[in-house]
Amino acid sequence: MSDAYHHFREGQKRLRTGMTAQATVPLEKAKKLEPEKASIREALGIAYFRLARWKEAEAEFRTIVEQLEPTDDYAHYALGRALEQQGRQAEANGHYKLASSMKPGSETYAARIKDLEPE
């Protein structure tokens, strides 16, 4: 088992057991070892989001959708959530629409789409 995978699994375990702040430590170590792994960045983004570290969550999910996996519907949705928390509703809405179009049956994604006036 590689060090990155070990750190990733430990971070996931901590996330599952509600130890969100503690999960960031092994997940950040995993990211340093494997910066191109979307799964690591997703878990780290989730941890940051749960800790209300919106800009850091945004950075992780943005890296996924802009560099690693542009068709990752969940990453678009999560990026939208991080943007919305920062008051950037119109930008968030764009990512909600993308996520919903990538996974049309998702009520969760569709429910986040808002009718916003153009800025």
C-alpha atoms as a PDB file:
ATOM      1  CA  MET A   1       0.000   0.000   0.000  1.00  0.00           C
ATOM      2  CA  SER A   2       1.431   3.377  -0.967  1.00  0.00           C
ATOM      3  CA  ASP A   3       1.856   6.160   1.565  1.00  0.00           C
ATOM      4  CA  ALA A   4      -0.621   8.350  -0.328  1.00  0.00           C
ATOM      5  CA  TYR A   5      -3.273   5.629  -0.275  1.00  0.00           C
ATOM      6  CA  HIS A   6      -2.685   4.989   3.425  1.00  0.00           C
ATOM      7  CA  HIS A   7      -3.102   8.706   4.217  1.00  0.00           C
ATOM      8  CA  PHE A   8      -6.186   8.899   1.998  1.00  0.00           C
ATOM      9  CA  ARG A   9      -7.856   5.931   3.713  1.00  0.00           C
ATOM     10  CA  GLU A  10      -7.050   7.358   7.151  1.00  0.00           C
ATOM     11  CA  GLY A  11      -8.551  10.700   6.133  1.00  0.00           C
ATOM     12  CA  GLN A  12     -11.697   9.006   4.839  1.00  0.00           C
ATOM     13  CA  LYS A  13     -12.036   7.056   8.085  1.00  0.00           C
ATOM     14  CA  ARG A  14     -11.773  10.241  10.113  1.00  0.00           C
ATOM     15  CA  LEU A  15     -14.359  11.957   7.915  1.00  0.00           C
ATOM     16  CA  ARG A  16     -16.775   9.043   8.369  1.00  0.00           C
ATOM     17  CA  THR A  17     -16.391   9.126  12.145  1.00  0.00           C
ATOM     18  CA  GLY A  18     -16.953  12.876  12.439  1.00  0.00           C
ATOM     19  CA  MET A  19     -13.327  13.795  13.040  1.00  0.00           C
ATOM     20  CA  THR A  20     -13.358  16.371  10.270  1.00  0.00           C
ATOM     21  CA  ALA A  21     -10.543  18.643  11.443  1.00  0.00           C
ATOM     22  CA  GLN A  22      -8.334  15.628  12.108  1.00  0.00           C
ATOM     23  CA  ALA A  23      -9.116  14.278   8.634  1.00  0.00           C
ATOM     24  CA  THR A  24      -7.413  17.216   6.961  1.00  0.00           C
ATOM     25  CA  VAL A  25      -3.962  16.184   8.217  1.00  0.00           C
ATOM     26  CA  PRO A  26      -3.676  12.827   6.424  1.00  0.00           C
ATOM     27  CA  LEU A  27      -5.615  14.132   3.420  1.00  0.00           C
ATOM     28  CA  GLU A  28      -3.212  17.044   2.995  1.00  0.00           C
ATOM     29  CA  LYS A  29      -0.295  14.581   3.213  1.00  0.00           C
ATOM     30  CA  ALA A  30      -1.929  12.413   0.554  1.00  0.00           C
ATOM     31  CA  LYS A  31      -2.461  15.453  -1.676  1.00  0.00           C
ATOM     32  CA  LYS A  32       1.225  16.381  -1.425  1.00  0.00           C
ATOM     33  CA  LEU A  33       2.155  12.885  -2.573  1.00  0.00           C
ATOM     34  CA  GLU A  34      -0.532  12.579  -5.284  1.00  0.00           C
ATOM     35  CA  PRO A  35      -1.726  16.083  -6.304  1.00  0.00           C
ATOM     36  CA  GLU A  36      -3.401  14.781  -9.468  1.00  0.00           C
ATOM     37  CA  LYS A  37      -5.764  12.371  -7.665  1.00  0.00           C
ATOM     38  CA  ALA A  38      -9.298  13.737  -7.810  1.00  0.00           C
ATOM     39  CA  SER A  39     -10.487  11.361  -5.073  1.00  0.00           C
ATOM     40  CA  ILE A  40      -8.006  12.827  -2.601  1.00  0.00           C
ATOM     41  CA  ARG A  41      -8.935  16.383  -3.539  1.00  0.00           C
ATOM     42  CA  GLU A  42     -12.640  15.576  -3.255  1.00  0.00           C
ATOM     43  CA  ALA A  43     -12.245  14.182   0.270  1.00  0.00           C
ATOM     44  CA  LEU A  44     -10.129  17.174   1.273  1.00  0.00           C
ATOM     45  CA  GLY A  45     -12.692  19.549  -0.256  1.00  0.00           C
ATOM     46  CA  ILE A  46     -15.454  17.867   1.732  1.00  0.00           C
ATOM     47  CA  ALA A  47     -13.435  18.232   4.932  1.00  0.00           C
ATOM     48  CA  TYR A  48     -12.768  21.910   4.250  1.00  0.00           C
ATOM     49  CA  PHE A  49     -16.441  22.480   3.452  1.00  0.00           C
ATOM     50  CA  ARG A  50     -17.559  20.866   6.701  1.00  0.00           C
ATOM     51  CA  LEU A  51     -15.112  23.116   8.547  1.00  0.00           C
ATOM     52  CA  ALA A  52     -16.545  26.217   6.799  1.00  0.00           C
ATOM     53  CA  ARG A  53     -13.212  26.790   5.074  1.00  0.00           C
ATOM     54  CA  TRP A  54     -15.032  27.872   1.929  1.00  0.00           C
ATOM     55  CA  LYS A  55     -12.102  29.230  -0.103  1.00  0.00           C
ATOM     56  CA  GLU A  56     -10.052  26.093   0.478  1.00  0.00           C
ATOM     57  CA  ALA A  57     -13.025  23.890  -0.430  1.00  0.00           C
ATOM     58  CA  GLU A  58     -13.516  25.989  -3.546  1.00  0.00           C
ATOM     59  CA  ALA A  59      -9.863  25.532  -4.532  1.00  0.00           C
ATOM     60  CA  GLU A  60     -10.037  21.739  -4.236  1.00  0.00           C
ATOM     61  CA  PHE A  61     -13.276  21.363  -6.202  1.00  0.00           C
ATOM     62  CA  ARG A  62     -12.190  23.951  -8.795  1.00  0.00           C
ATOM     63  CA  THR A  63      -8.990  21.980  -9.414  1.00  0.00           C
ATOM     64  CA  ILE A  64     -11.083  18.877 -10.042  1.00  0.00           C
ATOM     65  CA  VAL A  65     -13.462  20.524 -12.525  1.00  0.00           C
ATOM     66  CA  GLU A  66     -10.891  22.691 -14.295  1.00  0.00           C
ATOM     67  CA  GLN A  67      -7.881  20.382 -14.422  1.00  0.00           C
ATOM     68  CA  LEU A  68      -8.539  16.798 -13.395  1.00  0.00           C
ATOM     69  CA  GLU A  69     -12.094  15.682 -14.206  1.00  0.00           C
ATOM     70  CA  PRO A  70     -14.193  18.361 -15.946  1.00  0.00           C
ATOM     71  CA  THR A  71     -17.181  15.998 -16.209  1.00  0.00           C
ATOM     72  CA  ASP A  72     -17.338  15.166 -12.495  1.00  0.00           C
ATOM     73  CA  ASP A  73     -20.921  16.101 -11.633  1.00  0.00           C
ATOM     74  CA  TYR A  74     -20.392  15.943  -7.858  1.00  0.00           C
ATOM     75  CA  ALA A  75     -17.350  18.234  -8.038  1.00  0.00           C
ATOM     76  CA  HIS A  76     -19.408  20.826  -9.936  1.00  0.00           C
ATOM     77  CA  TYR A  77     -22.166  20.571  -7.341  1.00  0.00           C
ATOM     78  CA  ALA A  78     -19.716  20.840  -4.435  1.00  0.00           C
ATOM     79  CA  LEU A  79     -17.945  23.775  -6.067  1.00  0.00           C
ATOM     80  CA  GLY A  80     -21.331  25.447  -6.376  1.00  0.00           C
ATOM     81  CA  ARG A  81     -21.987  24.894  -2.678  1.00  0.00           C
ATOM     82  CA  ALA A  82     -18.621  26.431  -1.717  1.00  0.00           C
ATOM     83  CA  LEU A  83     -19.246  29.417  -3.988  1.00  0.00           C
ATOM     84  CA  GLU A  84     -22.761  29.903  -2.622  1.00  0.00           C
ATOM     85  CA  GLN A  85     -21.387  29.988   0.924  1.00  0.00           C
ATOM     86  CA  GLN A  86     -19.149  32.857  -0.180  1.00  0.00           C
ATOM     87  CA  GLY A  87     -22.097  34.826  -1.561  1.00  0.00           C
ATOM     88  CA  ARG A  88     -21.295  34.069  -5.210  1.00  0.00           C
ATOM     89  CA  GLN A  89     -24.752  32.784  -6.130  1.00  0.00           C
ATOM     90  CA  ALA A  90     -24.668  33.387  -9.876  1.00  0.00           C
ATOM     91  CA  GLU A  91     -21.367  31.535 -10.280  1.00  0.00           C
ATOM     92  CA  ALA A  92     -22.644  28.761  -8.011  1.00  0.00           C
ATOM     93  CA  ASN A  93     -25.806  28.475 -10.062  1.00  0.00           C
ATOM     94  CA  GLY A  94     -23.760  27.803 -13.195  1.00  0.00           C
ATOM     95  CA  HIS A  95     -22.103  24.839 -11.520  1.00  0.00           C
ATOM     96  CA  TYR A  96     -25.443  23.555 -10.202  1.00  0.00           C
ATOM     97  CA  LYS A  97     -26.809  23.667 -13.746  1.00  0.00           C
ATOM     98  CA  LEU A  98     -23.768  21.812 -15.077  1.00  0.00           C
ATOM     99  CA  ALA A  99     -24.041  19.147 -12.379  1.00  0.00           C
ATOM    100  CA  SER A 100     -27.751  18.744 -13.039  1.00  0.00           C
ATOM    101  CA  SER A 101     -27.224  18.425 -16.796  1.00  0.00           C
ATOM    102  CA  MET A 102     -24.534  15.785 -16.226  1.00  0.00           C
ATOM    103  CA  LYS A 103     -26.817  13.799 -13.929  1.00  0.00           C
ATOM    104  CA  PRO A 104     -30.372  14.731 -14.950  1.00  0.00           C
ATOM    105  CA  GLY A 105     -32.108  12.458 -12.435  1.00  0.00           C
ATOM    106  CA  SER A 106     -30.539  14.068  -9.388  1.00  0.00           C
ATOM    107  CA  GLU A 107     -33.133  15.899  -7.349  1.00  0.00           C
ATOM    108  CA  THR A 108     -30.370  17.152  -5.045  1.00  0.00           C
ATOM    109  CA  TYR A 109     -28.603  18.945  -7.884  1.00  0.00           C
ATOM    110  CA  ALA A 110     -31.796  20.283  -9.456  1.00  0.00           C
ATOM    111  CA  ALA A 111     -33.046  21.600  -6.110  1.00  0.00           C
ATOM    112  CA  ARG A 112     -30.005  23.904  -5.789  1.00  0.00           C
ATOM    113  CA  ILE A 113     -30.631  25.689  -9.095  1.00  0.00           C
ATOM    114  CA  LYS A 114     -32.034  29.138  -8.468  1.00  0.00           C
ATOM    115  CA  ASP A 115     -33.737  31.593 -10.746  1.00  0.00           C
ATOM    116  CA  LEU A 116     -31.337  34.501 -10.491  1.00  0.00           C
ATOM    117  CA  GLU A 117     -31.561  37.842 -12.167  1.00  0.00           C
ATOM    118  CA  PRO A 118     -28.620  38.524 -14.501  1.00  0.00           C
ATOM    119  CA  GLU A 119     -25.922  40.554 -12.808  1.00  0.00           C
END
